[in-house]
Amino acid sequence: MSEPARQANLPEFSVSELSSALKRTVEGAFPFVRVRGEISGLKNHSSGHIYFDLKDDKAVLNAVIWRGAAQTLRVKPQQGLEVVCTGRISTYSGSSRYQIIVEQVELAGIGALMALLEARKKMLAAEGLFAESRKKKLPFLPDVIGVITSPTGAVIRDIMHRLNERFPRRMLLWPVAVQGERAAAEVANAIRGFNQMRPGGPIPRPDLLIVARGGGSIEDLMAFNEEIVVRAAAESEIPLISAVGHETDTTLIDFVADRRAPTPTAAAEMAVPVRTELLAQTLDLERRGLRCFSRSLTERRKHLLALARALPRADSLFAQPRQRFDRAADSLANALRSNLQEHRRAFIEAAALIREASVARRIDTGKERTNALAHRLDRSFRAGLSELWNRTNSVSRVLETVSHNSVLERGFAFVRGADGVIRRRAAQIVAGERLTLTFADGPANAYAEGGSAEPGTAPKGKTRKREGQGNLF
């Protein structure tokens, strides 16, 4: 068979048909795969989707995470992070490329996880979240303690037992998941929820918070390394104790907490003192205070008696001052009467002179002041009125300049469609559409030729006009 004959027997595809066939073939051959590589070209789209490339030293694979899957990821994609992506292979016909639709992201080994945590730690430390100056002092004896942990584990029982043993306090439990996809969001919401409680409300606001979890692997404790949890702990107005894992376990919440406890039991010991020791110390201080007060009182009594013996008798001490007081009292009565008579006479004489001289002077002064005030009021009123007139004229000229009427006077016009909406572009005008043109002296009607839509009401290339109506073009 000749070459032209063979070519004639080949099936013919459109570009879309061939793209669809390739898409079915690729998706059927790779329905579910795990791919390891380094993230590059990371882009978080405003739609919530995430786009990036998976690469190694020889190849690059496009990857996309849809918004629904991105919200449930345990590990958030970051530039340069080595991960293992699980998903399905598909194609994107818009650019003739194949890609992986990612449904799950995992860190590629413990080394990548530690690198991620170290980078996150440096970023948060650079913001000052780990500074000692921002850590708050724990209350000596809190009335209410808020505990954020799992309600079913041994941690809550250990904390309750230790609190009851040392100093019973009221405790509020906010149950959360301490590992898994929901853990980080629930722990952060619990910290913020306790802080949003107001004093005097139906549920008492805690004076101290304890975030606790038992030991586990670094993957199990990963929720307490999440940025959302660290920032919630940093924002907490209530002092917070971090008691996550065992003594050798370290998470990022430990650095931002006001105190770190090696175990949940140790956190309860930090929260309250020992009641029996406190009672013994109080009784001892009471006894010491009573002894000091008694000794001081005895010494002051002896000192007072010694001072009293050195003082003279009261009768001899006040004899001469009493005589001087009696003599001064007799002289004072006579002096007051004579002084009063003299001042009364002088007052009567001065009053007569003042009445004669001041009445006329007051009348003249009052007239002068009244005339002066009248002239000042008149000048002030005329000046204020002139200034208001000038300002009104200035504003009127500016308003006339920016008014659309001045634009219409220069030869422009408003174009409105039949629906009353202004047409700002020629592409908005439909062929044959009835238009209203507003000029400086009033409106005029017209029908449009051409337009962006297919003609329906007027012949193409023609303008149908009514009597008394102008032509737009």
Protein backbone atom coordinates (compact mmCIF):
# COMPACT_ATOMS: atom_id res chain seq x y z
CA MET A 1 0.00 0.00 0.00
CA SER A 2 1.33 3.38 -0.93
CA GLU A 3 2.14 6.07 1.62
CA PRO A 4 -0.81 8.32 0.65
CA ALA A 5 -3.18 5.36 1.08
CA ARG A 6 -1.88 4.58 4.54
CA GLN A 7 -2.20 8.22 5.55
CA ALA A 8 -5.79 8.26 4.30
CA ASN A 9 -6.65 5.29 6.63
CA LEU A 10 -5.27 7.03 9.78
CA PRO A 11 -8.01 8.41 12.08
CA GLU A 12 -8.21 12.16 12.30
CA PHE A 13 -8.44 13.90 15.71
CA SER A 14 -9.18 17.44 16.71
CA VAL A 15 -6.80 19.00 19.21
CA SER A 16 -9.42 18.74 21.97
CA GLU A 17 -10.16 15.07 21.17
CA LEU A 18 -6.48 14.18 21.25
CA SER A 19 -5.97 16.07 24.55
CA SER A 20 -8.95 14.25 26.11
CA ALA A 21 -7.62 10.88 24.93
CA LEU A 22 -4.18 11.58 26.39
CA LYS A 23 -5.78 12.71 29.68
CA ARG A 24 -7.77 9.43 29.96
CA THR A 25 -4.68 7.39 29.13
CA VAL A 26 -2.45 9.13 31.72
CA GLU A 27 -5.06 9.10 34.49
CA GLY A 28 -5.83 5.45 33.80
CA ALA A 29 -2.16 4.44 33.92
CA PHE A 30 -1.34 6.45 37.11
CA PRO A 31 -4.53 6.60 39.23
CA PHE A 32 -2.62 7.00 42.52
CA VAL A 33 1.11 7.65 43.01
CA ARG A 34 3.63 8.88 45.60
CA VAL A 35 6.31 11.23 44.30
CA ARG A 36 9.34 12.50 46.20
CA GLY A 37 11.03 15.77 45.32
CA GLU A 38 11.93 19.30 46.33
CA ILE A 39 9.33 22.09 46.22
CA SER A 40 10.16 25.05 43.99
CA GLY A 41 8.21 27.90 42.38
CA LEU A 42 5.61 27.82 45.20
CA LYS A 43 2.57 30.03 44.54
CA ASN A 44 -0.43 30.42 46.87
CA HIS A 45 -3.24 31.61 44.59
CA SER A 46 -5.95 33.99 45.81
CA SER A 47 -8.51 31.26 45.02
CA GLY A 48 -7.01 29.08 47.76
CA HIS A 49 -5.30 26.66 45.35
CA ILE A 50 -1.55 26.01 45.66
CA TYR A 51 0.72 25.61 42.63
CA PHE A 52 4.36 24.48 42.69
CA ASP A 53 6.94 22.23 40.99
CA LEU A 54 8.43 18.99 42.30
CA LYS A 55 11.98 18.59 41.11
CA ASP A 56 15.07 16.47 41.51
CA ASP A 57 18.44 16.71 39.83
CA LYS A 58 17.07 15.47 36.46
CA ALA A 59 13.39 16.37 36.03
CA VAL A 60 10.57 18.70 37.04
CA LEU A 61 6.90 17.79 37.66
CA ASN A 62 4.12 20.38 37.90
CA ALA A 63 1.90 20.00 40.97
CA VAL A 64 -1.36 21.54 42.15
CA ILE A 65 -3.29 21.27 45.42
CA TRP A 66 -6.96 22.24 45.26
CA ARG A 67 -8.32 24.50 47.99
CA GLY A 68 -10.30 21.78 49.76
CA ALA A 69 -7.25 19.52 50.06
CA ALA A 70 -4.97 22.44 51.04
CA GLN A 71 -7.10 23.21 54.11
CA THR A 72 -6.61 19.67 55.51
CA LEU A 73 -2.85 19.30 54.95
CA ARG A 74 -0.77 18.42 58.02
CA VAL A 75 2.40 19.72 56.36
CA LYS A 76 2.09 23.05 54.55
CA PRO A 77 4.22 23.31 51.39
CA GLN A 78 7.26 25.59 51.71
CA GLN A 79 9.87 26.68 49.21
CA GLY A 80 12.88 24.32 49.13
CA LEU A 81 11.25 21.66 51.35
CA GLU A 82 11.80 18.00 50.41
CA VAL A 83 8.47 16.19 50.55
CA VAL A 84 6.60 13.09 49.42
CA CYS A 85 3.37 14.02 47.59
CA THR A 86 0.51 11.55 47.19
CA GLY A 87 -2.04 12.06 44.42
CA ARG A 88 -2.97 11.24 40.86
CA ILE A 89 -1.34 12.10 37.55
CA SER A 90 -3.37 14.15 35.09
CA THR A 91 -2.84 16.52 32.17
CA TYR A 92 -3.61 20.18 31.58
CA SER A 93 -4.66 20.65 27.97
CA GLY A 94 -4.39 24.44 28.18
CA SER A 95 -0.57 24.22 28.06
CA SER A 96 -0.02 20.59 26.89
CA ARG A 97 1.62 19.43 30.11
CA TYR A 98 1.15 16.70 32.67
CA GLN A 99 0.90 17.33 36.41
CA ILE A 100 0.14 15.69 39.74
CA ILE A 101 -3.04 16.55 41.62
CA VAL A 102 -1.77 16.40 45.22
CA GLU A 103 -4.03 15.16 47.98
CA GLN A 104 -1.47 14.63 50.77
CA VAL A 105 1.97 16.06 51.60
CA GLU A 106 4.49 14.37 53.90
CA LEU A 107 7.99 15.36 54.89
CA ALA A 108 10.70 13.25 53.27
CA GLY A 109 12.42 11.90 56.39
CA ILE A 110 13.34 13.26 59.82
CA GLY A 111 16.06 15.48 58.38
CA ALA A 112 13.57 17.52 56.39
CA LEU A 113 11.30 17.81 59.43
CA MET A 114 14.14 19.10 61.60
CA ALA A 115 15.15 21.58 58.92
CA LEU A 116 11.56 22.82 58.75
CA LEU A 117 11.37 23.24 62.52
CA GLU A 118 14.72 25.03 62.66
CA ALA A 119 13.67 27.48 59.94
CA ARG A 120 10.36 28.13 61.70
CA LYS A 121 12.14 28.63 65.02
CA LYS A 122 14.50 31.21 63.51
CA MET A 123 11.60 33.08 61.90
CA LEU A 124 9.60 33.29 65.15
CA ALA A 125 12.68 34.19 67.18
CA ALA A 126 13.43 37.03 64.76
CA GLU A 127 9.96 38.44 65.51
CA GLY A 128 10.84 38.53 69.23
CA LEU A 129 8.29 35.92 70.32
CA PHE A 130 10.90 34.04 72.39
CA ALA A 131 12.29 37.12 74.21
CA GLU A 132 12.55 36.79 77.99
CA SER A 133 11.35 40.37 78.45
CA ARG A 134 7.83 39.48 77.25
CA LYS A 135 7.37 36.47 79.56
CA LYS A 136 4.88 37.00 82.40
CA LYS A 137 5.28 36.02 86.05
CA LEU A 138 3.13 33.11 87.23
CA PRO A 139 0.55 33.90 89.96
CA PHE A 140 1.57 32.63 93.41
CA LEU A 141 -1.78 30.98 94.15
CA PRO A 142 -4.25 31.01 91.21
CA ASP A 143 -7.94 30.62 92.01
CA VAL A 144 -8.81 29.00 88.65
CA ILE A 145 -6.45 26.95 86.45
CA GLY A 146 -7.29 26.26 82.80
CA VAL A 147 -5.93 23.00 81.39
CA ILE A 148 -5.74 22.35 77.63
CA THR A 149 -5.23 18.65 76.91
CA SER A 150 -6.98 15.44 75.91
CA PRO A 151 -9.85 14.54 78.27
CA THR A 152 -9.16 10.79 78.05
CA GLY A 153 -5.38 10.49 78.57
CA ALA A 154 -3.35 9.95 81.73
CA VAL A 155 -2.15 13.57 81.60
CA ILE A 156 -5.32 15.11 82.98
CA ARG A 157 -5.48 12.53 85.79
CA ASP A 158 -1.86 13.24 86.79
CA ILE A 159 -2.46 17.00 86.86
CA MET A 160 -5.67 16.67 88.92
CA HIS A 161 -4.01 14.28 91.38
CA ARG A 162 -1.01 16.56 91.88
CA LEU A 163 -3.16 19.69 92.32
CA ASN A 164 -5.39 17.99 94.91
CA GLU A 165 -2.33 16.70 96.72
CA ARG A 166 -0.53 20.06 96.90
CA PHE A 167 -3.28 22.72 97.06
CA PRO A 168 -6.81 22.00 95.73
CA ARG A 169 -7.85 24.62 93.19
CA ARG A 170 -10.74 25.01 90.77
CA MET A 171 -9.75 23.59 87.38
CA LEU A 172 -11.35 24.14 83.93
CA LEU A 173 -10.61 21.56 81.23
CA TRP A 174 -10.77 22.53 77.54
CA PRO A 175 -10.69 19.17 75.72
CA VAL A 176 -8.64 19.09 72.52
CA ALA A 177 -6.97 16.59 70.23
CA VAL A 178 -3.24 16.47 71.03
CA GLN A 179 -2.12 14.93 67.73
CA GLY A 180 -3.41 14.64 64.21
CA GLU A 181 -4.74 17.10 61.69
CA ARG A 182 -7.19 18.83 64.08
CA ALA A 183 -4.80 19.20 67.00
CA ALA A 184 -3.04 22.48 66.13
CA ALA A 185 -6.24 24.41 65.37
CA GLU A 186 -8.03 23.07 68.48
CA VAL A 187 -5.13 23.93 70.82
CA ALA A 188 -4.85 27.47 69.37
CA ASN A 189 -8.62 27.98 69.66
CA ALA A 190 -8.55 26.76 73.27
CA ILE A 191 -5.83 29.26 74.25
CA ARG A 192 -7.69 32.12 72.58
CA GLY A 193 -11.01 30.92 74.04
CA PHE A 194 -9.72 31.05 77.63
CA ASN A 195 -8.31 34.55 77.01
CA GLN A 196 -11.64 35.79 75.65
CA MET A 197 -13.43 34.94 78.91
CA ARG A 198 -14.20 38.04 80.99
CA PRO A 199 -13.92 38.28 84.80
CA GLY A 200 -17.27 38.01 86.52
CA GLY A 201 -18.84 35.96 83.71
CA PRO A 202 -20.84 32.73 84.08
CA ILE A 203 -17.61 30.75 83.68
CA PRO A 204 -14.69 32.11 85.72
CA ARG A 205 -11.66 33.32 83.77
CA PRO A 206 -8.52 31.25 84.56
CA ASP A 207 -5.57 32.91 86.29
CA LEU A 208 -3.15 30.37 84.78
CA LEU A 209 -3.12 28.10 81.70
CA ILE A 210 -1.42 24.70 81.32
CA VAL A 211 -0.98 23.22 77.82
CA ALA A 212 -0.13 19.54 78.40
CA ARG A 213 0.52 16.33 76.49
CA GLY A 214 2.36 13.09 77.21
CA GLY A 215 5.49 11.96 75.43
CA GLY A 216 5.68 10.76 71.85
CA SER A 217 7.65 10.88 68.64
CA ILE A 218 8.48 14.14 66.93
CA GLU A 219 5.66 13.51 64.47
CA ASP A 220 3.19 13.00 67.35
CA LEU A 221 4.25 16.31 68.93
CA MET A 222 4.19 18.19 65.62
CA ALA A 223 0.94 20.02 66.47
CA PHE A 224 2.77 21.96 69.19
CA ASN A 225 5.36 23.12 66.63
CA GLU A 226 2.75 24.68 64.35
CA GLU A 227 2.92 28.43 63.89
CA ILE A 228 -0.76 28.91 64.78
CA VAL A 229 -0.21 27.36 68.23
CA VAL A 230 2.99 29.33 68.91
CA ARG A 231 1.37 32.64 67.98
CA ALA A 232 -1.72 31.90 70.10
CA ALA A 233 0.53 31.19 73.10
CA ALA A 234 2.48 34.41 72.47
CA GLU A 235 -0.75 36.44 72.34
CA SER A 236 -2.09 34.96 75.59
CA GLU A 237 -2.71 37.57 78.30
CA ILE A 238 -3.01 34.77 80.86
CA PRO A 239 0.34 33.31 82.06
CA LEU A 240 0.93 29.96 80.35
CA ILE A 241 2.91 26.83 81.29
CA SER A 242 3.97 24.46 78.50
CA ALA A 243 4.08 20.80 79.57
CA VAL A 244 4.40 18.90 76.29
CA GLY A 245 6.16 15.53 76.19
CA HIS A 246 8.87 14.34 78.52
CA GLU A 247 11.92 16.21 79.76
CA THR A 248 13.96 15.46 76.63
CA ASP A 249 11.18 16.54 74.24
CA THR A 250 11.31 20.13 72.99
CA THR A 251 8.64 21.88 70.95
CA LEU A 252 8.33 25.47 69.75
CA ILE A 253 5.57 26.25 72.26
CA ASP A 254 8.17 25.68 75.02
CA PHE A 255 10.14 28.72 73.82
CA VAL A 256 7.18 31.11 73.78
CA ALA A 257 5.48 29.90 76.99
CA ASP A 258 6.02 31.86 80.21
CA ARG A 259 7.35 28.68 81.89
CA ARG A 260 8.30 25.26 80.55
CA ALA A 261 7.61 22.17 82.65
CA PRO A 262 9.49 18.93 81.87
CA THR A 263 6.32 16.88 82.50
CA PRO A 264 2.60 17.57 83.07
CA THR A 265 3.03 16.58 86.74
CA ALA A 266 5.82 19.15 87.10
CA ALA A 267 3.49 21.77 85.57
CA ALA A 268 0.97 21.16 88.37
CA GLU A 269 3.78 21.57 90.91
CA MET A 270 4.74 24.91 89.33
CA ALA A 271 1.12 26.08 89.36
CA VAL A 272 0.45 25.90 93.13
CA PRO A 273 2.51 25.72 96.34
CA VAL A 274 2.18 22.93 98.95
CA ARG A 275 -0.71 23.82 101.25
CA THR A 276 0.74 22.19 104.39
CA GLU A 277 4.08 23.93 103.92
CA LEU A 278 2.27 27.23 103.37
CA LEU A 279 0.27 26.77 106.59
CA ALA A 280 3.39 25.91 108.59
CA GLN A 281 5.23 28.91 107.19
CA THR A 282 2.26 31.20 107.97
CA LEU A 283 2.02 29.96 111.56
CA ASP A 284 5.75 30.42 112.04
CA LEU A 285 5.57 33.98 110.70
CA GLU A 286 2.62 34.66 113.01
CA ARG A 287 4.57 33.48 116.08
CA ARG A 288 7.63 35.50 115.10
CA GLY A 289 5.50 38.59 114.50
CA LEU A 290 3.80 38.31 117.91
CA ARG A 291 7.16 37.91 119.66
CA CYS A 292 8.62 40.93 117.85
CA PHE A 293 5.54 43.05 118.65
CA SER A 294 5.58 42.10 122.35
CA ARG A 295 9.29 42.83 122.69
CA SER A 296 8.95 46.17 120.90
CA LEU A 297 5.98 47.18 123.08
CA THR A 298 7.90 46.41 126.30
CA GLU A 299 10.91 48.41 125.18
CA ARG A 300 8.79 51.42 124.20
CA ARG A 301 6.97 51.35 127.55
CA LYS A 302 10.30 51.46 129.44
CA HIS A 303 11.53 54.34 127.27
CA LEU A 304 8.32 56.32 127.85
CA LEU A 305 8.56 55.91 131.64
CA ALA A 306 12.17 57.14 131.57
CA LEU A 307 11.16 60.24 129.60
CA ALA A 308 8.26 60.94 131.99
CA ARG A 309 10.55 60.96 135.02
CA ALA A 310 12.79 63.62 133.38
CA LEU A 311 9.90 66.05 132.66
CA PRO A 312 8.91 68.83 135.21
CA ARG A 313 5.48 68.87 136.94
CA ALA A 314 2.60 70.21 134.87
CA ASP A 315 1.54 72.90 137.47
CA SER A 316 4.98 74.51 137.59
CA LEU A 317 5.42 74.21 133.82
CA PHE A 318 2.19 76.14 132.95
CA ALA A 319 2.00 78.69 135.85
CA GLN A 320 3.63 81.71 134.14
CA PRO A 321 1.97 81.17 130.72
CA ARG A 322 -1.43 81.14 132.47
CA GLN A 323 -0.78 84.54 134.11
CA ARG A 324 0.37 86.10 130.83
CA PHE A 325 -2.73 84.77 129.11
CA ASP A 326 -5.11 86.29 131.69
CA ARG A 327 -3.43 89.74 131.45
CA ALA A 328 -3.53 89.69 127.63
CA ALA A 329 -7.23 88.74 127.69
CA ASP A 330 -8.12 91.80 129.80
CA SER A 331 -6.17 94.18 127.52
CA LEU A 332 -7.61 92.71 124.39
CA ALA A 333 -11.25 93.53 125.20
CA ASN A 334 -10.55 97.28 125.70
CA ALA A 335 -8.34 97.50 122.60
CA LEU A 336 -10.96 95.89 120.38
CA ARG A 337 -13.71 98.37 121.42
CA SER A 338 -11.61 101.48 120.80
CA ASN A 339 -10.29 100.12 117.47
CA LEU A 340 -13.82 99.39 116.29
CA GLN A 341 -15.06 102.91 117.07
CA GLU A 342 -12.15 104.51 115.21
CA HIS A 343 -12.67 102.43 112.06
CA ARG A 344 -16.41 103.10 112.07
CA ARG A 345 -15.87 106.87 112.07
CA ALA A 346 -13.28 106.70 109.26
CA PHE A 347 -15.57 104.49 107.21
CA ILE A 348 -18.52 106.90 107.46
CA GLU A 349 -16.40 109.85 106.29
CA ALA A 350 -14.92 107.96 103.35
CA ALA A 351 -18.35 106.69 102.28
CA ALA A 352 -19.73 110.20 102.05
CA LEU A 353 -16.86 111.37 99.83
CA ILE A 354 -17.08 108.37 97.55
CA ARG A 355 -20.80 108.77 96.99
CA GLU A 356 -20.42 112.36 95.86
CA ALA A 357 -17.42 111.89 93.52
CA SER A 358 -17.92 108.52 91.96
CA VAL A 359 -21.52 108.61 90.76
CA ALA A 360 -20.87 111.17 88.00
CA ARG A 361 -17.58 109.54 87.04
CA ARG A 362 -19.24 106.15 86.64
CA ILE A 363 -21.92 107.53 84.33
CA ASP A 364 -19.36 109.23 82.04
CA THR A 365 -17.12 106.17 81.95
CA GLY A 366 -20.05 103.89 81.14
CA LYS A 367 -21.11 106.05 78.18
CA GLU A 368 -17.57 106.09 76.75
CA ARG A 369 -17.19 102.32 77.05
CA THR A 370 -20.63 101.73 75.49
CA ASN A 371 -19.78 103.91 72.46
CA ALA A 372 -16.39 102.24 72.00
CA LEU A 373 -17.93 98.77 72.13
CA ALA A 374 -20.59 99.75 69.59
CA HIS A 375 -17.93 100.97 67.12
CA ARG A 376 -15.86 97.78 67.57
CA LEU A 377 -18.91 95.56 67.07
CA ASP A 378 -19.86 97.38 63.85
CA ARG A 379 -16.31 97.07 62.40
CA SER A 380 -16.10 93.39 63.34
CA PHE A 381 -19.49 92.60 61.78
CA ARG A 382 -18.59 94.34 58.48
CA ALA A 383 -15.20 92.59 58.27
CA GLY A 384 -16.72 89.13 58.96
CA LEU A 385 -19.48 89.71 56.40
CA SER A 386 -16.90 90.73 53.74
CA GLU A 387 -14.78 87.65 54.40
CA LEU A 388 -17.79 85.32 54.16
CA TRP A 389 -18.80 86.99 50.86
CA ASN A 390 -15.31 86.47 49.38
CA ARG A 391 -15.20 82.83 50.49
CA THR A 392 -18.67 82.17 49.02
CA ASN A 393 -17.63 83.66 45.65
CA SER A 394 -14.42 81.56 45.64
CA VAL A 395 -16.25 78.31 46.38
CA SER A 396 -18.88 79.16 43.74
CA ARG A 397 -16.16 79.65 41.08
CA VAL A 398 -14.49 76.33 41.99
CA LEU A 399 -17.85 74.51 41.93
CA GLU A 400 -18.66 75.97 38.52
CA THR A 401 -15.23 74.84 37.21
CA VAL A 402 -15.66 71.17 38.30
CA SER A 403 -19.34 70.97 37.33
CA HIS A 404 -20.26 68.67 34.45
CA ASN A 405 -22.18 71.57 32.91
CA SER A 406 -18.90 73.25 32.00
CA VAL A 407 -17.82 70.05 30.24
CA LEU A 408 -21.07 70.01 28.26
CA GLU A 409 -20.59 73.67 27.30
CA ARG A 410 -17.28 72.72 25.62
CA GLY A 411 -19.12 70.44 23.15
CA PHE A 412 -19.32 67.13 24.99
CA ALA A 413 -22.48 65.10 25.65
CA PHE A 414 -23.72 62.29 27.91
CA VAL A 415 -24.85 59.14 26.07
CA ARG A 416 -27.50 57.02 27.82
CA GLY A 417 -29.19 53.85 26.64
CA ALA A 418 -32.84 53.03 26.80
CA ASP A 419 -32.29 51.64 30.31
CA GLY A 420 -30.98 55.04 31.48
CA VAL A 421 -27.40 53.76 32.05
CA ILE A 422 -24.53 55.89 30.72
CA ARG A 423 -22.59 54.29 27.83
CA ARG A 424 -18.89 54.96 28.38
CA ARG A 425 -17.57 52.69 25.61
CA ALA A 426 -18.60 52.13 22.01
CA ALA A 427 -18.55 48.40 22.74
CA GLN A 428 -21.48 48.86 25.12
CA ILE A 429 -23.79 50.18 22.38
CA VAL A 430 -26.08 47.71 20.61
CA ALA A 431 -26.93 48.22 16.98
CA GLY A 432 -30.24 49.97 16.61
CA GLU A 433 -30.39 50.87 20.28
CA ARG A 434 -32.37 53.97 21.22
CA LEU A 435 -29.98 56.51 22.79
CA THR A 436 -30.50 59.79 24.67
CA LEU A 437 -27.84 62.48 24.15
CA THR A 438 -27.67 65.14 26.84
CA PHE A 439 -26.10 68.45 25.66
CA ALA A 440 -25.57 71.67 27.53
CA ASP A 441 -28.99 73.02 26.43
CA GLY A 442 -30.98 69.76 26.91
CA PRO A 443 -31.46 66.14 25.74
CA ALA A 444 -31.94 64.73 22.22
CA ASN A 445 -32.86 61.20 21.06
CA ALA A 446 -31.06 59.06 18.45
CA TYR A 447 -30.61 55.45 17.24
CA ALA A 448 -27.18 53.83 16.91
CA GLU A 449 -25.58 52.44 13.78
CA GLY A 450 -23.24 49.42 14.11
CA GLY A 451 -22.47 48.44 17.71
CA SER A 452 -20.96 45.45 19.53
CA ALA A 453 -24.04 43.19 19.34
CA GLU A 454 -25.67 41.74 16.28
CA PRO A 455 -28.22 44.09 14.82
CA GLY A 456 -31.74 43.34 15.72
CA THR A 457 -33.74 46.49 15.61
CA ALA A 458 -32.09 48.46 12.84
CA PRO A 459 -30.41 47.51 9.55
CA LYS A 460 -26.63 47.17 9.63
CA GLY A 461 -24.85 50.23 8.37
CA LYS A 462 -28.06 52.30 8.48
CA THR A 463 -29.43 54.70 11.07
CA ARG A 464 -33.14 54.64 11.77
CA LYS A 465 -34.23 58.07 13.00
CA ARG A 466 -37.49 59.40 14.22
CA GLU A 467 -38.76 62.87 13.50
CA GLY A 468 -37.12 65.46 15.71
CA GLN A 469 -34.25 63.11 16.63
CA GLY A 470 -30.56 63.56 15.77
CA ASN A 471 -27.97 61.07 14.52
CA LEU A 472 -25.32 59.83 16.97
CA PHE A 473 -22.60 59.28 14.29
